[in-house]
Protein backbone atom coordinates (compact mmCIF):
# COMPACT_ATOMS: atom_id res chain seq x y z
CA MET A 1 -10.66 12.32 -6.98
CA THR A 2 -13.53 13.43 -9.15
CA VAL A 3 -16.20 12.90 -6.04
CA GLN A 4 -16.31 16.05 -4.56
CA LEU A 5 -18.05 15.29 -1.03
CA LYS A 6 -19.80 19.01 0.19
CA LYS A 7 -22.32 19.72 2.72
CA THR A 8 -25.15 20.59 0.52
CA VAL A 9 -25.30 19.93 -3.47
CA ALA A 10 -28.86 21.50 -4.45
CA ALA A 11 -28.31 25.25 -5.57
CA THR A 12 -24.06 23.98 -6.47
CA GLY A 13 -25.63 24.87 -10.15
CA ALA A 14 -24.38 20.73 -11.03
CA THR A 15 -26.00 19.25 -13.94
CA PRO A 16 -28.20 17.11 -11.87
CA ILE A 17 -28.38 13.55 -12.78
CA THR A 18 -31.96 10.88 -12.29
CA VAL A 19 -31.13 7.41 -11.76
CA VAL A 20 -33.69 4.91 -12.50
CA ASP A 21 -33.56 1.37 -13.45
CA ARG A 22 -35.80 -0.40 -16.28
CA ALA A 23 -38.82 -1.02 -13.80
CA SER A 24 -38.72 2.47 -11.71
CA PHE A 25 -38.28 4.88 -15.39
CA GLN A 26 -41.16 2.59 -16.65
CA ALA A 27 -43.16 3.99 -14.07
CA LEU A 28 -41.61 7.41 -14.51
CA ALA A 29 -42.17 8.27 -17.81
CA PRO A 30 -45.83 9.17 -17.71
CA LYS A 31 -45.16 12.07 -15.32
CA LEU A 32 -42.32 13.68 -17.29
CA PRO A 33 -42.50 16.44 -19.22
CA ALA A 34 -43.91 15.83 -23.27
CA PRO A 35 -41.04 17.20 -24.64
CA THR A 36 -38.71 15.54 -22.49
CA ARG A 37 -40.73 11.65 -22.75
CA HIS A 38 -40.34 11.94 -26.61
CA TRP A 39 -36.89 13.72 -26.19
CA LEU A 40 -35.89 10.44 -24.32
CA ALA A 41 -37.82 7.85 -26.55
CA VAL A 42 -36.20 9.41 -29.80
CA ASN A 43 -33.26 8.17 -28.30
CA GLY A 44 -34.70 4.85 -27.35
CA PHE A 45 -33.93 5.27 -23.30
CA LYS A 46 -35.21 2.71 -21.14
CA GLY A 47 -33.67 3.21 -17.77
CA ALA A 48 -31.12 -0.25 -19.43
CA ALA A 49 -28.09 -0.16 -17.32
CA ASP A 50 -25.33 1.50 -17.68
CA THR A 51 -27.16 3.63 -20.48
CA PHE A 52 -27.18 7.41 -20.09
CA ALA A 53 -29.63 10.03 -22.16
CA LEU A 54 -28.13 13.77 -22.62
CA ILE A 55 -31.35 16.39 -21.80
CA PRO A 56 -31.00 20.13 -24.14
CA GLY A 57 -32.15 22.73 -21.18
CA PRO A 58 -34.67 25.60 -22.63
CA ASP A 59 -32.10 27.56 -23.50
CA GLY A 60 -30.35 24.90 -25.54
CA LYS A 61 -27.69 23.93 -22.80
CA LEU A 62 -26.97 20.69 -20.75
CA GLY A 63 -29.73 20.66 -18.47
CA GLN A 64 -30.02 17.31 -16.86
CA VAL A 65 -28.82 13.74 -17.86
CA PHE A 66 -31.18 9.87 -17.44
CA ALA A 67 -29.16 7.27 -15.97
CA GLY A 68 -29.72 3.72 -16.19
CA VAL A 69 -28.55 1.40 -13.31
CA ALA A 70 -28.16 -2.13 -12.60
CA GLY A 71 -29.51 -1.05 -9.00
CA MET A 72 -29.56 0.64 -6.30
CA ASN A 73 -26.06 -0.30 -4.22
CA HIS A 74 -24.92 -1.40 -7.24
CA PRO A 75 -20.64 -1.40 -7.29
CA PHE A 76 -20.71 0.06 -10.72
CA ALA A 77 -24.16 2.22 -10.52
CA LEU A 78 -22.22 5.43 -12.62
CA ALA A 79 -19.56 3.44 -14.13
CA SER A 80 -20.02 4.30 -17.49
CA LEU A 81 -20.77 8.43 -16.61
CA PRO A 82 -17.17 9.99 -16.14
CA LEU A 83 -15.51 9.11 -19.17
CA GLY A 84 -19.48 9.50 -20.78
CA LEU A 85 -20.57 12.52 -20.20
CA PRO A 86 -19.20 16.01 -21.03
CA GLU A 87 -16.88 17.91 -18.48
CA GLY A 88 -18.77 19.31 -16.13
CA ASP A 89 -20.07 19.24 -12.26
CA TYR A 90 -22.77 16.95 -12.32
CA ARG A 91 -25.64 15.88 -8.80
CA LEU A 92 -27.64 13.78 -8.34
CA SER A 93 -31.71 14.37 -7.97
CA ASP A 94 -34.31 13.67 -5.96
CA ASP A 95 -36.87 12.29 -8.58
CA GLY A 96 -35.92 8.50 -9.05
CA LEU A 97 -33.92 6.40 -7.53
CA THR A 98 -31.73 7.10 -4.76
CA LEU A 99 -28.54 5.37 -4.99
CA ASP A 100 -26.75 4.52 -2.16
CA ALA A 101 -24.22 6.62 -1.06
CA GLU A 102 -21.60 4.24 -1.42
CA ALA A 103 -22.11 2.71 -4.51
CA ALA A 104 -22.66 6.25 -5.86
CA ALA A 105 -18.74 7.66 -4.47
CA LEU A 106 -17.43 4.23 -5.35
CA SER A 107 -18.72 3.53 -8.86
CA TRP A 108 -18.23 7.24 -10.11
CA GLU A 109 -14.31 6.39 -9.03
CA LEU A 110 -13.98 3.47 -10.38
CA GLY A 111 -16.09 4.80 -14.24
CA ALA A 112 -13.51 7.86 -14.22
CA TYR A 113 -10.35 5.68 -13.69
CA ARG A 114 -7.35 5.24 -16.31
CA PHE A 115 -3.49 4.60 -15.95
CA ASP A 116 -1.75 7.96 -17.04
CA LEU A 117 1.76 7.08 -15.90
CA TYR A 118 2.44 7.79 -19.60
CA LYS A 119 -0.39 8.97 -21.15
CA LYS A 120 -1.53 11.95 -20.71
CA PRO A 121 -5.46 11.69 -20.67
CA SER A 122 -7.58 13.61 -24.11
CA ARG A 123 -9.97 14.28 -21.61
CA ALA A 124 -11.00 14.99 -18.14
CA PRO A 125 -13.70 12.53 -16.48
CA ALA A 126 -17.41 14.31 -15.15
CA ARG A 127 -17.00 15.49 -11.42
CA LEU A 128 -19.65 14.18 -8.98
CA LEU A 129 -20.80 16.37 -6.05
CA LEU A 130 -22.02 14.39 -3.40
CA ALA A 131 -23.19 14.74 -0.22
CA ASP A 132 -21.09 14.05 2.13
CA SER A 133 -21.75 10.94 4.93
CA PRO A 134 -19.48 8.53 5.86
CA LEU A 135 -20.95 5.87 3.24
CA ALA A 136 -20.07 8.29 0.54
CA GLU A 137 -16.01 8.63 2.25
CA ARG A 138 -16.13 4.40 3.28
CA GLY A 139 -16.97 4.41 -1.08
CA LEU A 140 -14.08 7.03 -1.82
CA ALA A 141 -11.80 4.79 0.15
CA GLN A 142 -12.37 1.15 -1.46
CA ALA A 143 -12.23 3.22 -4.86
CA ALA A 144 -8.68 4.76 -4.08
CA VAL A 145 -7.22 1.61 -2.90
CA ILE A 146 -9.13 -0.37 -6.18
CA ALA A 147 -7.14 2.73 -8.55
CA ALA A 148 -3.91 1.99 -6.65
CA THR A 149 -3.97 -1.87 -7.05
CA ARG A 150 -4.45 -1.46 -10.28
CA ASP A 151 -1.87 1.02 -10.84
CA LEU A 152 0.72 -1.71 -9.60
CA VAL A 153 -0.09 -3.99 -11.89
CA ASN A 154 -0.29 -2.13 -15.05
CA THR A 155 2.40 -0.92 -14.35
CA PRO A 156 5.71 -1.91 -16.06
CA ALA A 157 8.19 -4.06 -14.66
CA GLU A 158 11.30 -2.32 -15.41
CA HIS A 159 9.91 0.34 -13.52
CA MET A 160 7.96 -2.41 -10.80
CA GLY A 161 10.93 -4.92 -9.77
CA PRO A 162 10.45 -6.14 -5.73
CA ASP A 163 12.11 -2.82 -5.23
CA GLU A 164 9.37 -0.86 -5.97
CA LEU A 165 6.91 -3.39 -4.91
CA ALA A 166 8.05 -2.92 -1.07
CA GLN A 167 8.44 0.49 -2.07
CA ALA A 168 4.95 0.61 -2.42
CA VAL A 169 4.49 -1.24 0.62
CA ALA A 170 6.67 0.77 2.50
CA VAL A 171 4.35 3.42 1.61
CA VAL A 172 1.07 1.96 2.94
CA ALA A 173 2.68 0.86 5.86
CA LYS A 174 3.73 4.67 6.56
CA GLN A 175 -0.20 5.87 6.55
CA HIS A 176 -1.40 3.26 8.48
CA GLY A 177 1.02 3.39 10.90
CA ALA A 178 2.12 -0.40 10.64
CA LYS A 179 5.43 -1.81 11.01
CA PHE A 180 7.82 -2.89 7.74
CA LYS A 181 10.56 -4.53 7.33
CA GLN A 182 12.29 -7.09 4.18
CA THR A 183 14.98 -9.97 3.92
CA VAL A 184 16.44 -8.97 0.87
CA GLY A 185 18.69 -11.47 -1.34
CA ASP A 186 21.12 -13.52 0.42
CA GLU A 187 19.58 -13.05 4.02
CA LEU A 188 17.25 -15.31 2.45
CA LEU A 189 19.03 -18.21 2.90
CA LYS A 190 20.10 -17.53 6.48
CA LYS A 191 16.34 -16.85 7.39
CA ASN A 192 15.50 -19.41 6.06
CA PHE A 193 13.78 -18.36 3.17
CA PRO A 194 15.71 -21.68 0.27
CA ALA A 195 12.82 -21.81 -2.22
CA ILE A 196 12.31 -17.79 -2.65
CA HIS A 197 15.59 -17.02 -2.85
CA ALA A 198 16.37 -19.68 -5.51
CA VAL A 199 13.33 -18.92 -7.69
CA GLY A 200 14.74 -15.16 -7.55
CA ARG A 201 18.41 -15.85 -7.52
CA ALA A 202 19.31 -14.89 -11.37
CA ALA A 203 17.58 -11.96 -11.55
CA THR A 204 19.92 -8.50 -11.21
CA ARG A 205 17.26 -7.27 -8.62
CA ALA A 206 17.44 -8.84 -5.93
CA PRO A 207 14.59 -11.63 -4.22
CA ARG A 208 13.12 -10.28 -1.03
CA LEU A 209 10.45 -11.76 1.56
CA ILE A 210 8.35 -8.25 2.07
CA GLU A 211 6.67 -7.64 5.67
CA LEU A 212 3.92 -5.94 7.36
CA ASN A 213 2.93 -6.21 11.09
CA TRP A 214 -0.18 -3.65 12.01
CA GLY A 215 -2.65 -4.03 15.04
CA SER A 216 -2.80 -5.06 18.71
CA ASP A 217 -1.86 -8.76 20.04
CA HIS A 218 -4.98 -8.46 22.33
CA HIS A 219 -6.85 -9.68 18.43
CA PRO A 220 -6.76 -12.61 16.04
CA ARG A 221 -4.15 -13.10 14.08
CA LEU A 222 -5.01 -12.88 10.21
CA SER A 223 -1.88 -13.45 7.75
CA LEU A 224 -2.18 -12.44 4.36
CA VAL A 225 0.04 -13.66 1.44
CA GLY A 226 0.77 -12.58 -2.05
CA LYS A 227 2.50 -13.94 -5.36
CA GLY A 228 4.82 -11.47 -5.89
CA VAL A 229 6.25 -12.35 -9.12
CA CYS A 230 7.61 -9.07 -11.13
CA PHE A 231 8.25 -10.42 -13.85
CA ASP A 232 8.06 -14.05 -15.11
CA SER A 233 9.96 -14.80 -17.89
CA GLY A 234 9.63 -18.66 -16.99
CA GLY A 235 12.79 -18.59 -16.36
CA LEU A 236 14.69 -21.80 -18.27
CA ASP A 237 11.88 -23.11 -19.17
CA ILE A 238 10.79 -20.15 -20.74
CA LYS A 239 7.53 -19.03 -22.14
CA SER A 240 6.60 -18.00 -25.82
CA ALA A 241 6.23 -14.76 -26.69
CA ASP A 242 2.74 -14.24 -26.50
CA GLY A 243 3.21 -15.86 -22.90
CA MET A 244 5.51 -13.63 -21.67
CA ARG A 245 3.71 -10.15 -23.06
CA GLN A 246 1.42 -9.68 -19.94
CA MET A 247 4.01 -11.03 -17.40
CA LYS A 248 4.29 -7.69 -15.24
CA LYS A 249 0.68 -8.69 -14.11
CA ASP A 250 2.47 -11.98 -12.71
CA MET A 251 2.91 -9.59 -9.40
CA GLY A 252 -1.37 -9.75 -9.18
CA GLY A 253 -1.90 -12.07 -5.66
CA ALA A 254 0.28 -9.01 -3.68
CA ALA A 255 -1.30 -5.92 -4.97
CA ASN A 256 -4.28 -7.16 -4.07
CA ALA A 257 -3.39 -8.94 -1.02
CA LEU A 258 -2.20 -5.23 -0.50
CA GLY A 259 -5.09 -3.46 -1.64
CA LEU A 260 -7.42 -5.61 1.62
CA ALA A 261 -4.31 -5.07 4.13
CA ALA A 262 -4.42 -1.62 3.42
CA LEU A 263 -8.43 -1.28 3.82
CA ILE A 264 -8.58 -3.39 7.07
CA MET A 265 -6.11 -0.62 8.46
CA ALA A 266 -8.02 1.87 6.73
CA PHE A 267 -11.27 0.85 8.39
CA ARG A 268 -9.35 -0.58 11.23
CA LEU A 269 -11.17 -4.08 11.55
CA PRO A 270 -9.88 -5.76 14.86
CA VAL A 271 -7.42 -8.39 13.78
CA ARG A 272 -3.76 -8.80 14.33
CA LEU A 273 -2.45 -8.15 10.31
CA GLN A 274 0.20 -9.72 9.00
CA LEU A 275 0.83 -9.68 4.97
CA LEU A 276 3.63 -11.07 3.62
CA ILE A 277 5.26 -10.95 0.05
CA PRO A 278 7.38 -12.91 -1.57
CA ALA A 279 9.38 -10.73 -4.50
CA VAL A 280 11.27 -12.15 -7.18
CA GLU A 281 11.75 -12.07 -10.73
CA ASN A 282 11.59 -15.02 -12.58
CA ALA A 283 15.00 -14.99 -14.74
CA ILE A 284 17.48 -16.54 -17.24
CA ALA A 285 21.17 -16.62 -16.15
CA GLY A 286 23.48 -19.36 -15.67
CA ASN A 287 23.19 -19.36 -11.76
CA ALA A 288 19.16 -19.06 -12.47
CA TYR A 289 17.19 -22.73 -10.51
CA ARG A 290 16.92 -25.41 -12.78
CA PRO A 291 14.15 -28.62 -14.27
CA GLY A 292 14.99 -31.03 -12.08
CA ASP A 293 17.17 -29.29 -8.90
CA VAL A 294 15.33 -30.03 -5.59
CA PHE A 295 15.72 -27.67 -2.96
CA LYS A 296 14.56 -28.02 0.79
CA THR A 297 12.01 -25.37 2.31
CA ARG A 298 11.66 -23.76 4.94
CA ASN A 299 9.55 -26.46 6.97
CA GLY A 300 11.63 -28.90 5.76
CA THR A 301 10.08 -30.35 2.27
CA HIS A 302 11.97 -31.36 -0.63
CA ILE A 303 10.54 -29.77 -3.40
CA GLU A 304 11.52 -31.09 -6.62
CA ILE A 305 11.23 -28.95 -9.83
CA GLY A 306 9.56 -30.34 -12.44
CA ASN A 307 9.40 -26.54 -14.41
CA THR A 308 10.79 -23.55 -13.85
CA ASP A 309 7.41 -21.85 -15.03
CA ALA A 310 5.12 -22.88 -11.66
CA GLU A 311 7.77 -20.69 -9.69
CA GLY A 312 4.67 -19.08 -7.72
CA ARG A 313 4.33 -22.14 -5.74
CA VAL A 314 7.65 -22.01 -5.04
CA ILE A 315 8.42 -19.05 -3.69
CA LEU A 316 4.64 -19.32 -1.93
CA CYS A 317 5.45 -21.97 -0.14
CA ASP A 318 8.05 -20.74 2.10
CA ALA A 319 5.63 -17.39 3.57
CA LEU A 320 2.99 -19.67 3.90
CA ALA A 321 4.85 -22.03 6.35
CA TYR A 322 6.40 -18.48 7.59
CA ALA A 323 3.19 -17.00 8.40
CA ALA A 324 1.58 -20.68 10.38
CA GLU A 325 4.25 -20.59 12.91
CA SER A 326 2.70 -17.78 14.17
CA LYS A 327 -0.86 -19.79 14.13
CA PRO A 328 -3.59 -17.21 12.49
CA GLU A 329 -7.04 -17.63 12.83
CA LEU A 330 -7.20 -17.09 8.73
CA LEU A 331 -4.58 -17.39 6.41
CA ILE A 332 -5.48 -16.05 2.82
CA ASP A 333 -2.97 -16.65 0.29
CA MET A 334 -4.34 -14.52 -3.26
CA ALA A 335 -1.96 -15.22 -6.33
CA THR A 336 -1.50 -15.24 -10.15
CA LEU A 337 -1.17 -19.10 -9.61
CA THR A 338 -2.01 -21.46 -13.12
CA GLY A 339 -3.75 -20.70 -16.02
CA ALA A 340 -5.62 -24.29 -15.83
CA ALA A 341 -7.66 -21.85 -13.13
CA ARG A 342 -8.98 -19.50 -16.47
CA VAL A 343 -9.44 -22.39 -18.77
CA ALA A 344 -11.23 -23.48 -16.06
CA LEU A 345 -13.14 -20.26 -15.07
CA GLY A 346 -12.30 -17.43 -17.58
CA PRO A 347 -10.85 -13.93 -16.11
CA GLN A 348 -13.76 -13.15 -14.53
CA LEU A 349 -13.96 -15.59 -11.50
CA PRO A 350 -11.09 -16.47 -9.22
CA ALA A 351 -10.93 -19.57 -7.43
CA LEU A 352 -11.54 -20.19 -4.50
CA PHE A 353 -10.06 -22.95 -2.27
CA ALA A 354 -11.08 -23.56 0.96
CA ARG A 355 -10.86 -26.31 3.65
CA HIS A 356 -14.65 -25.48 4.79
CA MET A 357 -16.86 -25.76 2.28
CA ASP A 358 -19.91 -23.93 4.29
CA GLU A 359 -17.20 -21.14 4.36
CA ALA A 360 -16.67 -21.81 0.76
CA ARG A 361 -20.42 -21.45 0.15
CA ASP A 362 -20.54 -18.25 2.17
CA LEU A 363 -17.86 -16.99 0.36
CA VAL A 364 -19.36 -17.22 -3.30
CA ASP A 365 -22.47 -16.10 -1.87
CA LEU A 366 -21.06 -13.06 -1.12
CA GLY A 367 -19.07 -12.23 -3.96
CA LEU A 368 -22.45 -12.43 -6.29
CA LYS A 369 -23.62 -10.11 -3.94
CA VAL A 370 -21.04 -7.72 -3.98
CA ASP A 371 -20.41 -8.32 -7.22
CA ASP A 372 -17.25 -8.86 -6.91
CA PRO A 373 -17.57 -13.27 -7.75
CA LEU A 374 -15.44 -15.53 -7.02
CA TRP A 375 -16.08 -19.58 -7.24
CA HIS A 376 -14.74 -22.44 -5.28
CA MET A 377 -13.01 -25.02 -6.63
CA PRO A 378 -11.89 -28.55 -4.63
CA ILE A 379 -8.43 -29.23 -2.42
CA TRP A 380 -8.96 -32.47 -3.76
CA GLN A 381 -6.92 -35.03 -2.00
CA PRO A 382 -7.31 -37.85 -3.86
CA TYR A 383 -5.23 -35.87 -6.69
CA LYS A 384 -2.37 -35.56 -4.42
CA SER A 385 0.04 -39.23 -5.73
CA GLY A 386 -0.12 -36.87 -8.93
CA ILE A 387 3.05 -34.43 -7.03
CA GLU A 388 4.80 -36.71 -5.14
CA SER A 389 8.23 -36.80 -6.40
CA THR A 390 10.70 -40.00 -5.93
CA LEU A 391 13.69 -37.48 -5.72
CA GLY A 392 12.02 -35.08 -3.39
CA ASP A 393 8.32 -34.77 -1.05
CA LEU A 394 7.02 -33.11 -3.94
CA VAL A 395 7.41 -31.91 -7.28
CA ASN A 396 5.74 -28.36 -8.03
CA THR A 397 3.91 -29.70 -11.46
CA GLY A 398 1.80 -32.27 -11.49
CA LYS A 399 1.59 -35.81 -13.85
CA SER A 400 -0.66 -35.16 -15.89
CA PRO A 401 -1.82 -31.53 -17.41
CA MET A 402 -5.74 -32.30 -16.15
CA ALA A 403 -6.51 -30.76 -12.85
CA GLY A 404 -3.71 -27.99 -13.00
CA ALA A 405 -4.90 -25.37 -10.80
CA ILE A 406 -6.15 -28.69 -8.16
CA ASN A 407 -2.48 -29.62 -7.97
CA ALA A 408 -1.08 -26.04 -7.26
CA ALA A 409 -3.31 -25.76 -4.38
CA LEU A 410 -2.58 -29.25 -3.23
CA PHE A 411 0.86 -28.27 -3.95
CA LEU A 412 0.70 -25.21 -1.28
CA ASP A 413 -1.90 -27.59 0.63
CA HIS A 414 1.11 -29.51 2.13
CA PHE A 415 2.73 -26.14 3.85
CA VAL A 416 0.07 -25.26 5.78
CA PRO A 417 -0.94 -27.08 9.04
CA LYS A 418 -4.41 -28.65 9.41
CA ASP A 419 -5.37 -26.94 11.84
CA VAL A 420 -5.11 -23.49 10.41
CA ASP A 421 -8.46 -22.07 8.30
CA TRP A 422 -6.77 -21.54 4.79
CA LEU A 423 -7.88 -20.13 2.16
CA HIS A 424 -6.17 -19.90 -1.86
CA ILE A 425 -7.41 -17.95 -4.42
CA ASP A 426 -6.07 -18.01 -7.31
CA LEU A 427 -7.21 -14.99 -9.30
CA PHE A 428 -6.05 -13.81 -12.75
CA ALA A 429 -5.80 -9.62 -11.77
CA TRP A 430 -6.35 -8.59 -15.10
CA ASN A 431 -9.69 -7.64 -17.42
CA SER A 432 -9.48 -9.21 -21.15
CA GLU A 433 -11.83 -6.48 -21.74
CA SER A 434 -13.37 -3.21 -20.38
CA ARG A 435 -16.40 -2.66 -19.44
CA PRO A 436 -18.04 0.10 -17.40
CA GLY A 437 -15.50 0.97 -14.49
CA ARG A 438 -13.16 -2.27 -15.91
CA PRO A 439 -11.12 -1.21 -18.47
CA ALA A 440 -9.13 -3.21 -19.57
CA GLY A 441 -5.90 -4.39 -17.33
CA GLY A 442 -5.19 -4.35 -14.19
CA GLU A 443 -7.64 -5.16 -11.53
CA ALA A 444 -8.39 -5.79 -8.12
CA GLN A 445 -10.19 -9.49 -7.79
CA THR A 446 -12.27 -10.51 -4.22
CA VAL A 447 -10.58 -7.99 -2.23
CA ARG A 448 -14.16 -5.93 -1.72
CA THR A 449 -16.12 -9.47 -1.37
CA LEU A 450 -13.36 -10.35 1.27
CA LEU A 451 -13.17 -7.06 3.21
CA ALA A 452 -16.96 -7.72 3.99
CA TYR A 453 -16.69 -11.62 4.26
CA LEU A 454 -13.85 -9.72 7.23
CA GLU A 455 -16.09 -7.55 8.22
CA GLN A 456 -18.61 -9.59 9.43
CA ARG A 457 -15.93 -12.71 11.17
CA PHE A 458 -13.74 -10.24 13.15
CA ALA A 459 -15.93 -6.60 13.88
């Protein structure tokens, strides 16, 4: 951790950081000593978000830092500082804005994040000494889960296959006293998970359904499902080289679902939690599932395979059907499911599909409030004729390339009974470019928004 919680930080010798925004800096500037005011003017500092200025002390050493933020509770308020400031210890000054302790801890830790499993960092991040408080501890807990989620997505498929993903779930289960189990290989057929088995059977690393259960039987059931395709070659409908390059991240839904589960348990939400991750590698071999094959899924639906590269919805249908059997009060699935969602919304906006319009609107508003956005798209039933099969009940690809994300949602909708409150999130789990606190690579998306929503709903 680069944030150190202390009972008191005023007399630590750490360099003070004065936090401002444009408005507060404009009010504060005339009150500053003339040398400081002139120095800030020469350096063009005006309190803009994600900017900072170093102020020399009388001895020529660093004496003070001015940092511009987007807001006092912004989750990335200080994210530009840990790797931008010189190494050393810092504290928040009493001058300027009083930053929310949760935002301070969260944003600093996220700004210090680097995936360093294979490459040694060139420097250590600066450290923030922060007054200990429940809010600061909450910020650190969220940052730790987000970092772990990013690590899972960033890890190459060679070291993050179905078994390694299961081990990661087992570690989280042990941390929180949850029950862990997995159904592996041909056992999937015996336990009636044929769709998961079909997608993963060609890989040398066995497919599996990973399950975590936690909480009291007296609490409402909450089921989370995460797509765990640890590498996606496209199967026999093989992807191009460019299309395959980042497919280590196709388990991003599983990583995000695990991250959300970890926070639910850490903050002890009054729910009976079930986490399900169908984990496979979509590989090519003589026994690979084929375009045109028809499979009977867990709930009895026969699905035709229109394209083996639409494998995510195939494994999810068994997991969703299984989750629905326990009649959860809320069922959420998270999946890096369609390129169509990225075409529609880009990498920063996950697509939200919900059965209730008011619930969707609340989630969109909440995502904007906590700066962890998602955007509502419809489960448009008139399009369902586009995924009807002449050989079976459904086909896993639409008859038209239009509305691809909706077609995928409609396919999944078939496996969730209409009386179950269900949210489907089609996310990217990846930053295409770096922003403060959000480096290029694996990302946790909608986890903080869903946590806030669940706390409102169940607390």
